[in-house]
Amino acid sequence: MSRSVLLQLARDSIAEVLEAQRTIDRSALLEEHPLLAEPIFSTVNLYLDKKLRGSSSSDDSCPSLLEGIVKNAKKAAFEDKNFTPISTSEYLDCEVEILLDTPDGVISQRDKSIISDKKTPKL
């Protein structure tokens, strides 16, 4: 199963910082997914071992859903005052949750870690 566009955007935003290079093609995303241009408030939460590891929510400075996800993912990973900045190994093992505040209510998506230390036992 493939990761949703929003969850992939959040992961790519964090990876940009860890890899110290810009990789997100904003104009291509906006062309392919016009909803990303809408002013939808979002929250990005990171979880490590089922415990909150970082969180950030949109404010009035985010003009679009795309910019809100990018900004919130980076702030949750590297600027949450309750945690040290996330490491690469924590990033690979963390779960990402996105909450969207829509007129119809809150929509939530959650993504499992990229790698899992739980190995399937051999029989």
PDB file of N, CA and C in Angstrom:
ATOM      1  N   MET A   1       0.845  -1.181   0.000  1.00  0.00           N
ATOM      2  CA  MET A   1       0.000   0.000   0.000  1.00  0.00           C
ATOM      3  C   MET A   1       0.891   1.246   0.000  1.00  0.00           C
ATOM      4  N   SER A   2       0.554   2.193  -0.818  1.00  0.00           N
ATOM      5  CA  SER A   2       1.370   3.387  -0.899  1.00  0.00           C
ATOM      6  C   SER A   2       0.954   4.401   0.168  1.00  0.00           C
ATOM      7  N   ARG A   3       1.869   5.247   0.517  1.00  0.00           N
ATOM      8  CA  ARG A   3       1.653   6.285   1.515  1.00  0.00           C
ATOM      9  C   ARG A   3       0.852   7.421   0.877  1.00  0.00           C
ATOM     10  N   SER A   4      -0.031   8.062   1.632  1.00  0.00           N
ATOM     11  CA  SER A   4      -0.810   9.179   1.091  1.00  0.00           C
ATOM     12  C   SER A   4       0.117  10.339   0.738  1.00  0.00           C
ATOM     13  N   VAL A   5      -0.371  11.207  -0.120  1.00  0.00           N
ATOM     14  CA  VAL A   5       0.409  12.373  -0.545  1.00  0.00           C
ATOM     15  C   VAL A   5       0.790  13.228   0.663  1.00  0.00           C
ATOM     16  N   LEU A   6      -0.137  13.429   1.586  1.00  0.00           N
ATOM     17  CA  LEU A   6       0.134  14.273   2.752  1.00  0.00           C
ATOM     18  C   LEU A   6       1.176  13.657   3.675  1.00  0.00           C
ATOM     19  N   LEU A   7       1.054  12.356   3.928  1.00  0.00           N
ATOM     20  CA  LEU A   7       2.035  11.693   4.784  1.00  0.00           C
ATOM     21  C   LEU A   7       3.408  11.659   4.116  1.00  0.00           C
ATOM     22  N   GLN A   8       3.426  11.429   2.814  1.00  0.00           N
ATOM     23  CA  GLN A   8       4.704  11.436   2.094  1.00  0.00           C
ATOM     24  C   GLN A   8       5.323  12.833   2.114  1.00  0.00           C
ATOM     25  N   LEU A   9       4.493  13.865   1.974  1.00  0.00           N
ATOM     26  CA  LEU A   9       4.975  15.243   2.033  1.00  0.00           C
ATOM     27  C   LEU A   9       5.596  15.538   3.395  1.00  0.00           C
ATOM     28  N   ALA A  10       4.948  15.091   4.469  1.00  0.00           N
ATOM     29  CA  ALA A  10       5.497  15.300   5.814  1.00  0.00           C
ATOM     30  C   ALA A  10       6.844  14.588   5.958  1.00  0.00           C
ATOM     31  N   ARG A  11       6.916  13.349   5.510  1.00  0.00           N
ATOM     32  CA  ARG A  11       8.180  12.598   5.593  1.00  0.00           C
ATOM     33  C   ARG A  11       9.270  13.252   4.742  1.00  0.00           C
ATOM     34  N   ASP A  12       8.905  13.672   3.529  1.00  0.00           N
ATOM     35  CA  ASP A  12       9.883  14.322   2.652  1.00  0.00           C
ATOM     36  C   ASP A  12      10.383  15.631   3.254  1.00  0.00           C
ATOM     37  N   SER A  13       9.522  16.349   3.958  1.00  0.00           N
ATOM     38  CA  SER A  13       9.906  17.612   4.594  1.00  0.00           C
ATOM     39  C   SER A  13      10.972  17.384   5.659  1.00  0.00           C
ATOM     40  N   ILE A  14      10.803  16.351   6.450  1.00  0.00           N
ATOM     41  CA  ILE A  14      11.788  16.020   7.479  1.00  0.00           C
ATOM     42  C   ILE A  14      13.082  15.540   6.821  1.00  0.00           C
ATOM     43  N   ALA A  15      12.960  14.714   5.798  1.00  0.00           N
ATOM     44  CA  ALA A  15      14.141  14.189   5.102  1.00  0.00           C
ATOM     45  C   ALA A  15      14.957  15.320   4.471  1.00  0.00           C
ATOM     46  N   GLU A  16      14.287  16.374   3.984  1.00  0.00           N
ATOM     47  CA  GLU A  16      15.016  17.515   3.413  1.00  0.00           C
ATOM     48  C   GLU A  16      16.006  18.092   4.418  1.00  0.00           C
ATOM     49  N   VAL A  17      15.595  18.193   5.665  1.00  0.00           N
ATOM     50  CA  VAL A  17      16.472  18.746   6.691  1.00  0.00           C
ATOM     51  C   VAL A  17      17.585  17.753   7.026  1.00  0.00           C
ATOM     52  N   LEU A  18      17.233  16.498   7.210  1.00  0.00           N
ATOM     53  CA  LEU A  18      18.231  15.489   7.558  1.00  0.00           C
ATOM     54  C   LEU A  18      19.276  15.323   6.456  1.00  0.00           C
ATOM     55  N   GLU A  19      18.865  15.445   5.200  1.00  0.00           N
ATOM     56  CA  GLU A  19      19.773  15.273   4.074  1.00  0.00           C
ATOM     57  C   GLU A  19      20.376  16.596   3.591  1.00  0.00           C
ATOM     58  N   ALA A  20      19.939  17.708   4.178  1.00  0.00           N
ATOM     59  CA  ALA A  20      20.441  19.044   3.842  1.00  0.00           C
ATOM     60  C   ALA A  20      20.334  19.356   2.356  1.00  0.00           C
ATOM     61  N   GLN A  21      19.183  19.017   1.777  1.00  0.00           N
ATOM     62  CA  GLN A  21      18.943  19.395   0.388  1.00  0.00           C
ATOM     63  C   GLN A  21      17.449  19.484   0.122  1.00  0.00           C
ATOM     64  N   ARG A  22      17.096  20.388  -0.771  1.00  0.00           N
ATOM     65  CA  ARG A  22      15.687  20.572  -1.145  1.00  0.00           C
ATOM     66  C   ARG A  22      15.310  19.521  -2.178  1.00  0.00           C
ATOM     67  N   THR A  23      14.260  18.775  -1.894  1.00  0.00           N
ATOM     68  CA  THR A  23      13.832  17.730  -2.822  1.00  0.00           C
ATOM     69  C   THR A  23      12.351  17.832  -3.182  1.00  0.00           C
ATOM     70  N   ILE A  24      11.597  18.640  -2.477  1.00  0.00           N
ATOM     71  CA  ILE A  24      10.158  18.744  -2.710  1.00  0.00           C
ATOM     72  C   ILE A  24       9.890  19.709  -3.862  1.00  0.00           C
ATOM     73  N   ASP A  25       9.223  19.217  -4.891  1.00  0.00           N
ATOM     74  CA  ASP A  25       8.842  20.034  -6.042  1.00  0.00           C
ATOM     75  C   ASP A  25       7.435  20.573  -5.772  1.00  0.00           C
ATOM     76  N   ARG A  26       7.380  21.736  -5.141  1.00  0.00           N
ATOM     77  CA  ARG A  26       6.103  22.322  -4.728  1.00  0.00           C
ATOM     78  C   ARG A  26       5.176  22.583  -5.911  1.00  0.00           C
ATOM     79  N   SER A  27       5.705  23.142  -7.002  1.00  0.00           N
ATOM     80  CA  SER A  27       4.827  23.457  -8.133  1.00  0.00           C
ATOM     81  C   SER A  27       4.243  22.199  -8.757  1.00  0.00           C
ATOM     82  N   ALA A  28       5.015  21.126  -8.842  1.00  0.00           N
ATOM     83  CA  ALA A  28       4.485  19.875  -9.390  1.00  0.00           C
ATOM     84  C   ALA A  28       3.397  19.306  -8.481  1.00  0.00           C
ATOM     85  N   LEU A  29       3.610  19.373  -7.172  1.00  0.00           N
ATOM     86  CA  LEU A  29       2.596  18.892  -6.235  1.00  0.00           C
ATOM     87  C   LEU A  29       1.307  19.702  -6.347  1.00  0.00           C
ATOM     88  N   LEU A  30       1.438  21.013  -6.425  1.00  0.00           N
ATOM     89  CA  LEU A  30       0.256  21.873  -6.538  1.00  0.00           C
ATOM     90  C   LEU A  30      -0.483  21.643  -7.850  1.00  0.00           C
ATOM     91  N   GLU A  31       0.253  21.372  -8.907  1.00  0.00           N
ATOM     92  CA  GLU A  31      -0.386  21.107 -10.195  1.00  0.00           C
ATOM     93  C   GLU A  31      -1.128  19.769 -10.159  1.00  0.00           C
ATOM     94  N   GLU A  32      -0.512  18.773  -9.548  1.00  0.00           N
ATOM     95  CA  GLU A  32      -1.121  17.442  -9.503  1.00  0.00           C
ATOM     96  C   GLU A  32      -2.230  17.332  -8.455  1.00  0.00           C
ATOM     97  N   HIS A  33      -2.098  18.097  -7.354  1.00  0.00           N
ATOM     98  CA  HIS A  33      -3.057  18.032  -6.242  1.00  0.00           C
ATOM     99  C   HIS A  33      -3.487  19.457  -5.859  1.00  0.00           C
ATOM    100  N   PRO A  34      -4.433  20.055  -6.585  1.00  0.00           N
ATOM    101  CA  PRO A  34      -4.836  21.444  -6.338  1.00  0.00           C
ATOM    102  C   PRO A  34      -5.335  21.703  -4.910  1.00  0.00           C
ATOM    103  N   LEU A  35      -5.850  20.686  -4.246  1.00  0.00           N
ATOM    104  CA  LEU A  35      -6.317  20.865  -2.867  1.00  0.00           C
ATOM    105  C   LEU A  35      -5.194  21.340  -1.943  1.00  0.00           C
ATOM    106  N   LEU A  36      -3.949  21.044  -2.286  1.00  0.00           N
ATOM    107  CA  LEU A  36      -2.813  21.472  -1.471  1.00  0.00           C
ATOM    108  C   LEU A  36      -2.672  22.988  -1.416  1.00  0.00           C
ATOM    109  N   ALA A  37      -3.301  23.696  -2.339  1.00  0.00           N
ATOM    110  CA  ALA A  37      -3.245  25.161  -2.349  1.00  0.00           C
ATOM    111  C   ALA A  37      -4.279  25.790  -1.422  1.00  0.00           C
ATOM    112  N   GLU A  38      -5.222  24.995  -0.939  1.00  0.00           N
ATOM    113  CA  GLU A  38      -6.284  25.512  -0.069  1.00  0.00           C
ATOM    114  C   GLU A  38      -5.745  25.830   1.329  1.00  0.00           C
ATOM    115  N   PRO A  39      -6.339  26.837   1.997  1.00  0.00           N
ATOM    116  CA  PRO A  39      -5.906  27.202   3.348  1.00  0.00           C
ATOM    117  C   PRO A  39      -6.550  26.295   4.408  1.00  0.00           C
ATOM    118  N   ILE A  40      -6.049  25.085   4.536  1.00  0.00           N
ATOM    119  CA  ILE A  40      -6.574  24.116   5.501  1.00  0.00           C
ATOM    120  C   ILE A  40      -5.583  23.989   6.653  1.00  0.00           C
ATOM    121  N   PHE A  41      -6.063  24.206   7.872  1.00  0.00           N
ATOM    122  CA  PHE A  41      -5.191  24.094   9.042  1.00  0.00           C
ATOM    123  C   PHE A  41      -4.831  22.637   9.283  1.00  0.00           C
ATOM    124  N   SER A  42      -3.571  22.410   9.652  1.00  0.00           N
ATOM    125  CA  SER A  42      -3.099  21.050   9.870  1.00  0.00           C
ATOM    126  C   SER A  42      -2.239  20.965  11.118  1.00  0.00           C
ATOM    127  N   THR A  43      -2.115  19.750  11.625  1.00  0.00           N
ATOM    128  CA  THR A  43      -1.217  19.427  12.729  1.00  0.00           C
ATOM    129  C   THR A  43      -0.424  18.203  12.317  1.00  0.00           C
ATOM    130  N   VAL A  44       0.868  18.214  12.613  1.00  0.00           N
ATOM    131  CA  VAL A  44       1.709  17.041  12.388  1.00  0.00           C
ATOM    132  C   VAL A  44       2.234  16.589  13.742  1.00  0.00           C
ATOM    133  N   ASN A  45       1.986  15.320  14.064  1.00  0.00           N
ATOM    134  CA  ASN A  45       2.493  14.703  15.287  1.00  0.00           C
ATOM    135  C   ASN A  45       3.443  13.576  14.910  1.00  0.00           C
ATOM    136  N   LEU A  46       4.526  13.466  15.646  1.00  0.00           N
ATOM    137  CA  LEU A  46       5.469  12.365  15.462  1.00  0.00           C
ATOM    138  C   LEU A  46       5.431  11.503  16.710  1.00  0.00           C
ATOM    139  N   TYR A  47       5.438  10.196  16.534  1.00  0.00           N
ATOM    140  CA  TYR A  47       5.401   9.253  17.649  1.00  0.00           C
ATOM    141  C   TYR A  47       6.576   8.294  17.539  1.00  0.00           C
ATOM    142  N   LEU A  48       7.200   8.029  18.659  1.00  0.00           N
ATOM    143  CA  LEU A  48       8.276   7.048  18.748  1.00  0.00           C
ATOM    144  C   LEU A  48       7.926   6.111  19.888  1.00  0.00           C
ATOM    145  N   ASP A  49       7.860   4.838  19.606  1.00  0.00           N
ATOM    146  CA  ASP A  49       7.438   3.843  20.602  1.00  0.00           C
ATOM    147  C   ASP A  49       6.079   4.197  21.207  1.00  0.00           C
ATOM    148  N   LYS A  50       5.157   4.640  20.339  1.00  0.00           N
ATOM    149  CA  LYS A  50       3.774   4.981  20.720  1.00  0.00           C
ATOM    150  C   LYS A  50       3.678   6.212  21.625  1.00  0.00           C
ATOM    151  N   LYS A  51       4.803   6.931  21.824  1.00  0.00           N
ATOM    152  CA  LYS A  51       4.805   8.134  22.655  1.00  0.00           C
ATOM    153  C   LYS A  51       5.064   9.340  21.766  1.00  0.00           C
ATOM    154  N   LEU A  52       4.404  10.458  22.087  1.00  0.00           N
ATOM    155  CA  LEU A  52       4.589  11.679  21.324  1.00  0.00           C
ATOM    156  C   LEU A  52       6.057  12.067  21.322  1.00  0.00           C
ATOM    157  N   ARG A  53       6.581  12.385  20.134  1.00  0.00           N
ATOM    158  CA  ARG A  53       7.996  12.741  19.968  1.00  0.00           C
ATOM    159  C   ARG A  53       8.156  14.168  19.441  1.00  0.00           C
ATOM    160  N   GLY A  54       7.070  14.749  18.944  1.00  0.00           N
ATOM    161  CA  GLY A  54       7.095  16.109  18.434  1.00  0.00           C
ATOM    162  C   GLY A  54       5.736  16.461  17.860  1.00  0.00           C
ATOM    163  N   SER A  55       5.397  17.758  17.889  1.00  0.00           N
ATOM    164  CA  SER A  55       4.097  18.193  17.393  1.00  0.00           C
ATOM    165  C   SER A  55       4.171  19.651  16.970  1.00  0.00           C
ATOM    166  N   SER A  56       3.422  19.978  15.913  1.00  0.00           N
ATOM    167  CA  SER A  56       3.313  21.366  15.489  1.00  0.00           C
ATOM    168  C   SER A  56       2.001  21.543  14.725  1.00  0.00           C
ATOM    169  N   SER A  57       1.380  22.699  14.929  1.00  0.00           N
ATOM    170  CA  SER A  57       0.105  23.008  14.253  1.00  0.00           C
ATOM    171  C   SER A  57       0.234  24.266  13.425  1.00  0.00           C
ATOM    172  N   SER A  58      -0.603  24.357  12.390  1.00  0.00           N
ATOM    173  CA  SER A  58      -0.629  25.534  11.515  1.00  0.00           C
ATOM    174  C   SER A  58      -1.038  26.765  12.297  1.00  0.00           C
ATOM    175  N   ASP A  59      -0.596  27.887  11.784  1.00  0.00           N
ATOM    176  CA  ASP A  59      -1.077  29.165  12.288  1.00  0.00           C
ATOM    177  C   ASP A  59      -1.441  30.016  11.073  1.00  0.00           C
ATOM    178  N   ASP A  60      -1.748  31.265  11.295  1.00  0.00           N
ATOM    179  CA  ASP A  60      -2.191  32.122  10.200  1.00  0.00           C
ATOM    180  C   ASP A  60      -1.094  32.409   9.172  1.00  0.00           C
ATOM    181  N   SER A  61       0.170  32.062   9.495  1.00  0.00           N
ATOM    182  CA  SER A  61       1.256  32.333   8.551  1.00  0.00           C
ATOM    183  C   SER A  61       1.359  31.261   7.459  1.00  0.00           C
ATOM    184  N   CYS A  62       0.583  30.196   7.559  1.00  0.00           N
ATOM    185  CA  CYS A  62       0.594  29.135   6.539  1.00  0.00           C
ATOM    186  C   CYS A  62      -0.519  29.404   5.529  1.00  0.00           C
ATOM    187  N   PRO A  63      -0.148  29.846   4.327  1.00  0.00           N
ATOM    188  CA  PRO A  63      -1.168  30.210   3.347  1.00  0.00           C
ATOM    189  C   PRO A  63      -1.850  29.026   2.666  1.00  0.00           C
ATOM    190  N   SER A  64      -1.266  27.820   2.803  1.00  0.00           N
ATOM    191  CA  SER A  64      -1.823  26.668   2.102  1.00  0.00           C
ATOM    192  C   SER A  64      -1.586  25.388   2.895  1.00  0.00           C
ATOM    193  N   LEU A  65      -2.335  24.360   2.543  1.00  0.00           N
ATOM    194  CA  LEU A  65      -2.141  23.051   3.159  1.00  0.00           C
ATOM    195  C   LEU A  65      -0.726  22.547   2.908  1.00  0.00           C
ATOM    196  N   LEU A  66      -0.229  22.720   1.696  1.00  0.00           N
ATOM    197  CA  LEU A  66       1.126  22.273   1.369  1.00  0.00           C
ATOM    198  C   LEU A  66       2.150  22.921   2.299  1.00  0.00           C
ATOM    199  N   GLU A  67       2.119  24.231   2.393  1.00  0.00           N
ATOM    200  CA  GLU A  67       3.092  24.932   3.241  1.00  0.00           C
ATOM    201  C   GLU A  67       2.891  24.587   4.717  1.00  0.00           C
ATOM    202  N   GLY A  68       1.650  24.377   5.122  1.00  0.00           N
ATOM    203  CA  GLY A  68       1.384  23.987   6.509  1.00  0.00           C
ATOM    204  C   GLY A  68       1.983  22.635   6.853  1.00  0.00           C
ATOM    205  N   ILE A  69       1.819  21.653   5.976  1.00  0.00           N
ATOM    206  CA  ILE A  69       2.381  20.324   6.227  1.00  0.00           C
ATOM    207  C   ILE A  69       3.902  20.389   6.279  1.00  0.00           C
ATOM    208  N   VAL A  70       4.514  21.083   5.304  1.00  0.00           N
ATOM    209  CA  VAL A  70       5.975  21.201   5.271  1.00  0.00           C
ATOM    210  C   VAL A  70       6.493  21.859   6.545  1.00  0.00           C
ATOM    211  N   LYS A  71       5.904  22.993   6.889  1.00  0.00           N
ATOM    212  CA  LYS A  71       6.346  23.745   8.070  1.00  0.00           C
ATOM    213  C   LYS A  71       6.120  22.943   9.357  1.00  0.00           C
ATOM    214  N   ASN A  72       4.934  22.344   9.491  1.00  0.00           N
ATOM    215  CA  ASN A  72       4.618  21.608  10.717  1.00  0.00           C
ATOM    216  C   ASN A  72       5.474  20.353  10.886  1.00  0.00           C
ATOM    217  N   ALA A  73       5.753  19.663   9.801  1.00  0.00           N
ATOM    218  CA  ALA A  73       6.597  18.468   9.895  1.00  0.00           C
ATOM    219  C   ALA A  73       7.996  18.840  10.376  1.00  0.00           C
ATOM    220  N   LYS A  74       8.545  19.894   9.796  1.00  0.00           N
ATOM    221  CA  LYS A  74       9.893  20.323  10.190  1.00  0.00           C
ATOM    222  C   LYS A  74       9.922  20.828  11.631  1.00  0.00           C
ATOM    223  N   LYS A  75       8.898  21.597  12.013  1.00  0.00           N
ATOM    224  CA  LYS A  75       8.852  22.103  13.387  1.00  0.00           C
ATOM    225  C   LYS A  75       8.651  20.973  14.394  1.00  0.00           C
ATOM    226  N   ALA A  76       7.801  20.001  14.066  1.00  0.00           N
ATOM    227  CA  ALA A  76       7.579  18.866  14.972  1.00  0.00           C
ATOM    228  C   ALA A  76       8.865  18.062  15.154  1.00  0.00           C
ATOM    229  N   ALA A  77       9.618  17.910  14.089  1.00  0.00           N
ATOM    230  CA  ALA A  77      10.836  17.100  14.136  1.00  0.00           C
ATOM    231  C   ALA A  77      12.026  17.826  14.765  1.00  0.00           C
ATOM    232  N   PHE A  78      12.121  19.123  14.537  1.00  0.00           N
ATOM    233  CA  PHE A  78      13.354  19.816  14.911  1.00  0.00           C
ATOM    234  C   PHE A  78      13.196  21.013  15.845  1.00  0.00           C
ATOM    235  N   GLU A  79      11.965  21.502  16.060  1.00  0.00           N
ATOM    236  CA  GLU A  79      11.799  22.723  16.846  1.00  0.00           C
ATOM    237  C   GLU A  79      10.839  22.606  18.018  1.00  0.00           C
ATOM    238  N   ASP A  80      10.277  21.433  18.270  1.00  0.00           N
ATOM    239  CA  ASP A  80       9.388  21.263  19.424  1.00  0.00           C
ATOM    240  C   ASP A  80      10.237  21.439  20.677  1.00  0.00           C
ATOM    241  N   LYS A  81       9.882  22.426  21.490  1.00  0.00           N
ATOM    242  CA  LYS A  81      10.679  22.761  22.676  1.00  0.00           C
ATOM    243  C   LYS A  81      10.683  21.660  23.738  1.00  0.00           C
ATOM    244  N   ASN A  82       9.774  20.693  23.623  1.00  0.00           N
ATOM    245  CA  ASN A  82       9.708  19.613  24.601  1.00  0.00           C
ATOM    246  C   ASN A  82      10.656  18.454  24.277  1.00  0.00           C
ATOM    247  N   PHE A  83      11.305  18.507  23.110  1.00  0.00           N
ATOM    248  CA  PHE A  83      12.147  17.402  22.664  1.00  0.00           C
ATOM    249  C   PHE A  83      13.412  17.922  21.992  1.00  0.00           C
ATOM    250  N   THR A  84      14.442  17.088  21.971  1.00  0.00           N
ATOM    251  CA  THR A  84      15.631  17.413  21.184  1.00  0.00           C
ATOM    252  C   THR A  84      15.298  17.163  19.714  1.00  0.00           C
ATOM    253  N   PRO A  85      16.037  17.772  18.803  1.00  0.00           N
ATOM    254  CA  PRO A  85      15.780  17.512  17.378  1.00  0.00           C
ATOM    255  C   PRO A  85      15.879  16.018  17.058  1.00  0.00           C
ATOM    256  N   ILE A  86      15.035  15.581  16.156  1.00  0.00           N
ATOM    257  CA  ILE A  86      14.961  14.166  15.812  1.00  0.00           C
ATOM    258  C   ILE A  86      16.239  13.730  15.083  1.00  0.00           C
ATOM    259  N   SER A  87      16.684  12.528  15.346  1.00  0.00           N
ATOM    260  CA  SER A  87      17.849  11.968  14.653  1.00  0.00           C
ATOM    261  C   SER A  87      17.367  11.158  13.450  1.00  0.00           C
ATOM    262  N   THR A  88      18.286  10.786  12.592  1.00  0.00           N
ATOM    263  CA  THR A  88      17.924   9.988  11.422  1.00  0.00           C
ATOM    264  C   THR A  88      17.329   8.649  11.833  1.00  0.00           C
ATOM    265  N   SER A  89      17.918   8.000  12.824  1.00  0.00           N
ATOM    266  CA  SER A  89      17.381   6.698  13.250  1.00  0.00           C
ATOM    267  C   SER A  89      15.995   6.845  13.864  1.00  0.00           C
ATOM    268  N   GLU A  90      15.759   7.923  14.603  1.00  0.00           N
ATOM    269  CA  GLU A  90      14.423   8.156  15.154  1.00  0.00           C
ATOM    270  C   GLU A  90      13.426   8.434  14.026  1.00  0.00           C
ATOM    271  N   TYR A  91      13.849   9.199  13.033  1.00  0.00           N
ATOM    272  CA  TYR A  91      12.989   9.484  11.872  1.00  0.00           C
ATOM    273  C   TYR A  91      12.561   8.190  11.186  1.00  0.00           C
ATOM    274  N   LEU A  92      13.497   7.293  10.981  1.00  0.00           N
ATOM    275  CA  LEU A  92      13.194   6.037  10.296  1.00  0.00           C
ATOM    276  C   LEU A  92      12.247   5.155  11.115  1.00  0.00           C
ATOM    277  N   ASP A  93      12.265   5.325  12.439  1.00  0.00           N
ATOM    278  CA  ASP A  93      11.455   4.474  13.310  1.00  0.00           C
ATOM    279  C   ASP A  93      10.195   5.160  13.833  1.00  0.00           C
ATOM    280  N   CYS A  94       9.985   6.432  13.488  1.00  0.00           N
ATOM    281  CA  CYS A  94       8.824   7.142  14.036  1.00  0.00           C
ATOM    282  C   CYS A  94       7.595   6.961  13.160  1.00  0.00           C
ATOM    283  N   GLU A  95       6.446   7.140  13.787  1.00  0.00           N
ATOM    284  CA  GLU A  95       5.172   7.179  13.083  1.00  0.00           C
ATOM    285  C   GLU A  95       4.805   8.645  12.891  1.00  0.00           C
ATOM    286  N   VAL A  96       4.143   8.938  11.782  1.00  0.00           N
ATOM    287  CA  VAL A  96       3.716  10.305  11.473  1.00  0.00           C
ATOM    288  C   VAL A  96       2.197  10.336  11.458  1.00  0.00           C
ATOM    289  N   GLU A  97       1.637  11.347  12.115  1.00  0.00           N
ATOM    290  CA  GLU A  97       0.190  11.546  12.109  1.00  0.00           C
ATOM    291  C   GLU A  97      -0.091  12.956  11.597  1.00  0.00           C
ATOM    292  N   ILE A  98      -1.094  13.062  10.736  1.00  0.00           N
ATOM    293  CA  ILE A  98      -1.541  14.361  10.240  1.00  0.00           C
ATOM    294  C   ILE A  98      -3.012  14.525  10.582  1.00  0.00           C
ATOM    295  N   LEU A  99      -3.332  15.665  11.162  1.00  0.00           N
ATOM    296  CA  LEU A  99      -4.716  16.024  11.474  1.00  0.00           C
ATOM    297  C   LEU A  99      -5.072  17.251  10.641  1.00  0.00           C
ATOM    298  N   LEU A 100      -6.195  17.177   9.934  1.00  0.00           N
ATOM    299  CA  LEU A 100      -6.670  18.299   9.140  1.00  0.00           C
ATOM    300  C   LEU A 100      -7.953  18.832   9.749  1.00  0.00           C
ATOM    301  N   ASP A 101      -8.020  20.132   9.944  1.00  0.00           N
ATOM    302  CA  ASP A 101      -9.206  20.775  10.503  1.00  0.00           C
ATOM    303  C   ASP A 101     -10.062  21.264   9.341  1.00  0.00           C
ATOM    304  N   THR A 102     -11.080  20.480   8.974  1.00  0.00           N
ATOM    305  CA  THR A 102     -11.938  20.809   7.831  1.00  0.00           C
ATOM    306  C   THR A 102     -13.306  21.259   8.328  1.00  0.00           C
ATOM    307  N   PRO A 103     -14.109  21.883   7.459  1.00  0.00           N
ATOM    308  CA  PRO A 103     -15.474  22.276   7.847  1.00  0.00           C
ATOM    309  C   PRO A 103     -16.333  21.078   8.272  1.00  0.00           C
ATOM    310  N   ASP A 104     -15.999  19.883   7.776  1.00  0.00           N
ATOM    311  CA  ASP A 104     -16.754  18.682   8.138  1.00  0.00           C
ATOM    312  C   ASP A 104     -16.213  17.989   9.384  1.00  0.00           C
ATOM    313  N   GLY A 105     -15.196  18.553  10.001  1.00  0.00           N
ATOM    314  CA  GLY A 105     -14.594  17.960  11.191  1.00  0.00           C
ATOM    315  C   GLY A 105     -13.126  17.632  10.969  1.00  0.00           C
ATOM    316  N   VAL A 106     -12.527  17.013  11.957  1.00  0.00           N
ATOM    317  CA  VAL A 106     -11.106  16.684  11.896  1.00  0.00           C
ATOM    318  C   VAL A 106     -10.915  15.365  11.148  1.00  0.00           C
ATOM    319  N   ILE A 107      -9.977  15.379  10.216  1.00  0.00           N
ATOM    320  CA  ILE A 107      -9.597  14.179   9.475  1.00  0.00           C
ATOM    321  C   ILE A 107      -8.200  13.799   9.940  1.00  0.00           C
ATOM    322  N   SER A 108      -7.999  12.521  10.209  1.00  0.00           N
ATOM    323  CA  SER A 108      -6.720  12.046  10.723  1.00  0.00           C
ATOM    324  C   SER A 108      -6.145  10.951   9.823  1.00  0.00           C
ATOM    325  N   GLN A 109      -4.839  11.023   9.583  1.00  0.00           N
ATOM    326  CA  GLN A 109      -4.102   9.978   8.874  1.00  0.00           C
ATOM    327  C   GLN A 109      -2.867   9.658   9.693  1.00  0.00           C
ATOM    328  N   ARG A 110      -2.524   8.375   9.765  1.00  0.00           N
ATOM    329  CA  ARG A 110      -1.330   7.975  10.515  1.00  0.00           C
ATOM    330  C   ARG A 110      -0.544   6.975   9.689  1.00  0.00           C
ATOM    331  N   ASP A 111       0.759   7.121   9.728  1.00  0.00           N
ATOM    332  CA  ASP A 111       1.673   6.322   8.932  1.00  0.00           C
ATOM    333  C   ASP A 111       2.605   5.550   9.857  1.00  0.00           C
ATOM    334  N   LYS A 112       2.831   4.294   9.556  1.00  0.00           N
ATOM    335  CA  LYS A 112       3.761   3.492  10.350  1.00  0.00           C
ATOM    336  C   LYS A 112       5.187   3.919  10.067  1.00  0.00           C
ATOM    337  N   SER A 113       6.110   3.438  10.876  1.00  0.00           N
ATOM    338  CA  SER A 113       7.517   3.766  10.690  1.00  0.00           C
ATOM    339  C   SER A 113       8.027   3.203   9.367  1.00  0.00           C
ATOM    340  N   ILE A 114       9.089   3.805   8.863  1.00  0.00           N
ATOM    341  CA  ILE A 114       9.689   3.345   7.613  1.00  0.00           C
ATOM    342  C   ILE A 114      10.326   1.977   7.810  1.00  0.00           C
ATOM    343  N   ILE A 115      11.017   1.825   8.925  1.00  0.00           N
ATOM    344  CA  ILE A 115      11.599   0.524   9.249  1.00  0.00           C
ATOM    345  C   ILE A 115      11.012   0.064  10.573  1.00  0.00           C
ATOM    346  N   SER A 116      11.036  -1.197  10.772  1.00  0.00           N
ATOM    347  CA  SER A 116      10.523  -1.735  12.030  1.00  0.00           C
ATOM    348  C   SER A 116      11.540  -2.704  12.589  1.00  0.00           C
ATOM    349  N   ASP A 117      11.784  -2.587  13.876  1.00  0.00           N
ATOM    350  CA  ASP A 117      12.750  -3.494  14.482  1.00  0.00           C
ATOM    351  C   ASP A 117      12.105  -4.813  14.876  1.00  0.00           C
ATOM    352  N   LYS A 118      10.819  -4.933  14.611  1.00  0.00           N
ATOM    353  CA  LYS A 118      10.123  -6.188  14.908  1.00  0.00           C
ATOM    354  C   LYS A 118      10.298  -7.118  13.723  1.00  0.00           C
ATOM    355  N   LYS A 119      11.032  -8.149  13.916  1.00  0.00           N
ATOM    356  CA  LYS A 119      11.283  -9.104  12.847  1.00  0.00           C
ATOM    357  C   LYS A 119      10.305 -10.248  12.957  1.00  0.00           C
ATOM    358  N   THR A 120       9.885 -10.738  11.806  1.00  0.00           N
ATOM    359  CA  THR A 120       8.973 -11.872  11.779  1.00  0.00           C
ATOM    360  C   THR A 120       9.762 -13.117  12.180  1.00  0.00           C
ATOM    361  N   PRO A 121       9.287 -13.850  13.193  1.00  0.00           N
ATOM    362  CA  PRO A 121      10.031 -15.031  13.604  1.00  0.00           C
ATOM    363  C   PRO A 121       9.993 -16.104  12.518  1.00  0.00           C
ATOM    364  N   LYS A 122      11.137 -16.755  12.373  1.00  0.00           N
ATOM    365  CA  LYS A 122      11.207 -17.841  11.388  1.00  0.00           C
ATOM    366  C   LYS A 122      10.703 -19.114  12.037  1.00  0.00           C
ATOM    367  N   LEU A 123       9.960 -19.901  11.277  1.00  0.00           N
ATOM    368  CA  LEU A 123       9.430 -21.164  11.771  1.00  0.00           C
ATOM    369  C   LEU A 123      10.311 -22.306  11.392  1.00  0.00           C
TER     370      LEU A 123
END
